[in-house]
Amino acid sequence: MGTVTLGVSIAVPEPFGSLLQERRAGFGDPAAHGIPTHVTLLPPTEVDESVLPEVEAHLTRVAAAGRSFPMRLSGTGTFRPLSPVVFVKVVEGAAACTQLQQRVRDESGPLVRELQWPYHPHVTVAHGIAEEAMDRAYEELAGYEAAWTCTSFALYEQGADGVWRKLREYAFGGGAVPNVPPQSTPVDEPAPTHH
């Protein structure tokens, strides 16, 4: 068995995901179409293929303990000069993302790893491209806004072609994906009535 490169992230839902991916491609970022628009919870991490079932079981537990939370993106930021990245800022949901990524990397699980930089939830819109293009991304998306309720996260694997593919999605609270509201009543049971 070989190793696989995994990542865990929160997908930015439609229509925002595609729009930001197109913008990223438009800035000349060659990686744009190989990386779904996302907020990283676990950066690219190489693991032995044999631990995949353990990884999936761990992520299932993390998701079951999680709850949906509001996410809001607004404006741009950059990690330059430390790292050649321009991103859209997570202005709501950052604390929840931070807690979630800590649980994903928890010492009791199979995805323990040190981070190169302190965790900072963000949505990359330009990475490692010409400075002028980075500046353009920073300026053109400065007024960008998006909001949604985050109800799940997903496990991705990077292929030999450099493209990230979703292996599995994990809904918070142990619900099924796509989300079924937890308060729904099975059809054959009468709904409780309040007098």
Protein backbone atom coordinates (compact mmCIF):
# COMPACT_ATOMS: atom_id res chain seq x y z
CA MET A 1 0.00 0.00 0.00
CA GLY A 2 1.21 3.48 -0.82
CA THR A 3 0.53 6.84 0.70
CA VAL A 4 -2.27 9.23 -0.16
CA THR A 5 -2.41 13.00 0.20
CA LEU A 6 -5.55 14.02 2.04
CA GLY A 7 -7.10 17.34 2.93
CA VAL A 8 -10.16 18.21 4.99
CA SER A 9 -12.11 21.33 4.20
CA ILE A 10 -15.42 23.15 4.19
CA ALA A 11 -16.64 23.58 0.63
CA VAL A 12 -17.88 27.05 -0.30
CA PRO A 13 -21.38 26.28 -1.63
CA GLU A 14 -22.88 27.39 -4.92
CA PRO A 15 -23.19 29.89 -6.41
CA PHE A 16 -20.23 31.33 -4.46
CA GLY A 17 -17.87 28.40 -5.00
CA SER A 18 -17.92 28.46 -8.79
CA LEU A 19 -17.77 32.23 -8.93
CA LEU A 20 -14.64 32.38 -6.76
CA GLN A 21 -13.09 29.49 -8.69
CA GLU A 22 -13.67 31.34 -11.98
CA ARG A 23 -12.23 34.53 -10.50
CA ARG A 24 -9.18 32.59 -9.28
CA ALA A 25 -8.69 31.16 -12.78
CA GLY A 26 -9.17 34.65 -14.21
CA PHE A 27 -6.29 35.95 -12.10
CA GLY A 28 -4.11 33.37 -13.84
CA ASP A 29 -3.85 30.83 -11.02
CA PRO A 30 -3.18 27.48 -12.76
CA ALA A 31 -4.35 25.53 -9.70
CA ALA A 32 -7.83 27.13 -9.75
CA HIS A 33 -9.69 24.30 -11.47
CA GLY A 34 -7.92 21.57 -9.52
CA ILE A 35 -8.97 22.93 -6.15
CA PRO A 36 -12.63 23.32 -5.21
CA THR A 37 -13.26 26.65 -3.44
CA HIS A 38 -12.91 25.90 0.26
CA VAL A 39 -11.90 26.80 3.80
CA THR A 40 -9.12 24.43 4.87
CA LEU A 41 -9.49 22.41 8.08
CA LEU A 42 -6.52 20.12 7.41
CA PRO A 43 -3.85 21.17 4.90
CA PRO A 44 -2.45 18.59 2.45
CA THR A 45 -1.32 15.70 4.64
CA GLU A 46 0.32 12.49 3.49
CA VAL A 47 -0.95 9.35 5.22
CA ASP A 48 -0.57 5.65 4.64
CA GLU A 49 -3.45 4.30 2.58
CA SER A 50 -4.08 1.66 5.26
CA VAL A 51 -5.24 4.31 7.75
CA LEU A 52 -8.04 5.63 5.49
CA PRO A 53 -10.78 3.68 7.35
CA GLU A 54 -9.47 5.07 10.64
CA VAL A 55 -9.43 8.60 9.15
CA GLU A 56 -13.03 8.21 7.99
CA ALA A 57 -14.17 6.89 11.38
CA HIS A 58 -12.39 9.79 13.12
CA LEU A 59 -14.00 12.39 10.82
CA THR A 60 -17.41 10.77 11.35
CA ARG A 61 -16.97 11.26 15.11
CA VAL A 62 -15.79 14.87 14.66
CA ALA A 63 -18.83 15.65 12.48
CA ALA A 64 -21.27 13.90 14.84
CA ALA A 65 -20.09 16.15 17.68
CA GLY A 66 -20.32 19.28 15.50
CA ARG A 67 -23.21 21.65 14.91
CA SER A 68 -24.10 23.80 11.91
CA PHE A 69 -22.89 27.38 12.13
CA PRO A 70 -23.20 30.60 10.10
CA MET A 71 -20.34 31.42 7.74
CA ARG A 72 -19.79 34.83 6.20
CA LEU A 73 -17.07 35.93 3.82
CA SER A 74 -16.26 39.58 3.37
CA GLY A 75 -13.39 41.45 1.76
CA THR A 76 -9.84 40.33 1.09
CA GLY A 77 -6.61 39.73 2.98
CA THR A 78 -3.15 38.43 2.18
CA PHE A 79 -0.40 36.39 3.81
CA ARG A 80 2.25 38.22 1.77
CA PRO A 81 5.20 38.56 2.23
CA LEU A 82 5.29 35.35 4.36
CA SER A 83 3.30 33.31 1.88
CA PRO A 84 2.18 34.25 -1.68
CA VAL A 85 -1.54 34.05 -0.96
CA VAL A 86 -4.49 36.41 -1.42
CA PHE A 87 -7.71 35.30 0.22
CA VAL A 88 -11.30 36.24 0.96
CA LYS A 89 -11.73 36.73 4.71
CA VAL A 90 -13.97 34.57 6.91
CA VAL A 91 -15.62 37.23 9.07
CA GLU A 92 -18.21 34.98 10.70
CA GLY A 93 -17.65 31.31 11.54
CA ALA A 94 -13.89 31.66 12.06
CA ALA A 95 -14.03 30.52 15.69
CA ALA A 96 -16.12 27.47 14.71
CA CYS A 97 -13.64 26.65 11.91
CA THR A 98 -10.76 26.95 14.37
CA GLN A 99 -12.39 24.57 16.86
CA LEU A 100 -13.26 22.16 14.07
CA GLN A 101 -9.73 22.01 12.65
CA GLN A 102 -8.40 21.39 16.18
CA ARG A 103 -10.73 18.39 16.51
CA VAL A 104 -9.71 17.12 13.06
CA ARG A 105 -6.03 17.22 14.10
CA ASP A 106 -6.70 15.98 17.64
CA GLU A 107 -3.94 13.88 19.18
CA SER A 108 -6.37 10.99 19.72
CA GLY A 109 -6.98 10.72 15.97
CA PRO A 110 -5.00 9.63 12.89
CA LEU A 111 -4.52 13.15 11.46
CA VAL A 112 -2.21 14.67 14.07
CA ARG A 113 0.15 17.17 12.51
CA GLU A 114 1.92 20.41 13.20
CA LEU A 115 0.90 23.39 11.09
CA GLN A 116 3.48 25.46 9.24
CA TRP A 117 1.61 28.65 10.20
CA PRO A 118 -0.91 29.44 12.94
CA TYR A 119 -4.39 28.40 11.76
CA HIS A 120 -6.27 31.22 10.04
CA PRO A 121 -9.50 30.26 8.25
CA HIS A 122 -9.70 31.83 4.77
CA VAL A 123 -10.70 31.17 1.15
CA THR A 124 -7.69 31.34 -1.17
CA VAL A 125 -8.36 33.23 -4.41
CA ALA A 126 -4.76 33.55 -5.66
CA HIS A 127 -1.67 31.54 -4.78
CA GLY A 128 1.89 31.75 -6.05
CA ILE A 129 1.13 33.88 -9.11
CA ALA A 130 2.60 37.18 -10.37
CA GLU A 131 2.51 40.05 -7.87
CA GLU A 132 0.39 42.21 -10.23
CA ALA A 133 -2.21 39.43 -10.48
CA MET A 134 -2.14 39.05 -6.68
CA ASP A 135 -2.75 42.78 -6.33
CA ARG A 136 -5.63 42.54 -8.80
CA ALA A 137 -7.22 39.69 -6.84
CA TYR A 138 -6.83 41.68 -3.62
CA GLU A 139 -8.43 44.79 -5.13
CA GLU A 140 -11.14 43.25 -7.31
CA LEU A 141 -12.56 41.05 -4.56
CA ALA A 142 -12.24 43.67 -1.80
CA GLY A 143 -16.02 44.18 -1.84
CA TYR A 144 -16.87 40.48 -2.07
CA GLU A 145 -19.56 39.19 0.30
CA ALA A 146 -21.11 35.74 0.75
CA ALA A 147 -22.99 34.04 3.58
CA TRP A 148 -24.40 30.58 4.20
CA THR A 149 -24.96 28.03 6.96
CA CYS A 150 -22.12 25.54 7.17
CA THR A 151 -23.68 22.10 7.70
CA SER A 152 -20.81 19.77 6.79
CA PHE A 153 -17.17 19.36 5.82
CA ALA A 154 -15.48 16.94 3.45
CA LEU A 155 -12.45 14.72 3.02
CA TYR A 156 -10.51 15.21 -0.22
CA GLU A 157 -7.71 13.29 -1.88
CA GLN A 158 -5.19 14.86 -4.21
CA GLY A 159 -4.73 12.83 -7.39
CA ALA A 160 -1.45 12.28 -9.24
CA ASP A 161 -2.72 15.00 -11.63
CA GLY A 162 -2.75 17.51 -8.75
CA VAL A 163 -6.56 17.68 -8.74
CA TRP A 164 -8.39 17.45 -5.40
CA ARG A 165 -11.36 15.06 -5.42
CA LYS A 166 -13.98 14.69 -2.71
CA LEU A 167 -13.93 11.25 -1.10
CA ARG A 168 -16.70 11.77 1.39
CA GLU A 169 -18.81 14.46 3.01
CA TYR A 170 -19.53 14.56 6.74
CA ALA A 171 -22.68 16.27 8.00
CA PHE A 172 -22.72 17.80 11.46
CA GLY A 173 -24.73 16.06 14.14
CA GLY A 174 -24.37 12.72 12.37
CA GLY A 175 -27.10 13.61 9.87
CA ALA A 176 -27.22 12.30 6.34
CA VAL A 177 -25.83 14.30 3.43
CA PRO A 178 -27.50 16.20 1.82
CA ASN A 179 -28.83 17.67 5.01
CA VAL A 180 -32.07 16.35 6.34
CA PRO A 181 -33.38 18.70 9.01
CA PRO A 182 -32.98 16.85 12.32
CA GLN A 183 -36.43 17.96 13.48
CA SER A 184 -38.26 16.24 10.62
CA THR A 185 -40.75 13.60 11.75
CA PRO A 186 -40.91 10.20 10.04
CA VAL A 187 -43.99 10.01 7.84
CA ASP A 188 -45.61 7.11 9.71
CA GLU A 189 -45.54 8.91 13.06
CA PRO A 190 -47.91 11.73 13.92
CA ALA A 191 -46.12 14.95 14.75
CA PRO A 192 -46.25 15.79 18.48
CA THR A 193 -49.01 18.26 19.29
CA HIS A 194 -48.77 20.92 21.94
CA HIS A 195 -51.89 21.85 23.88
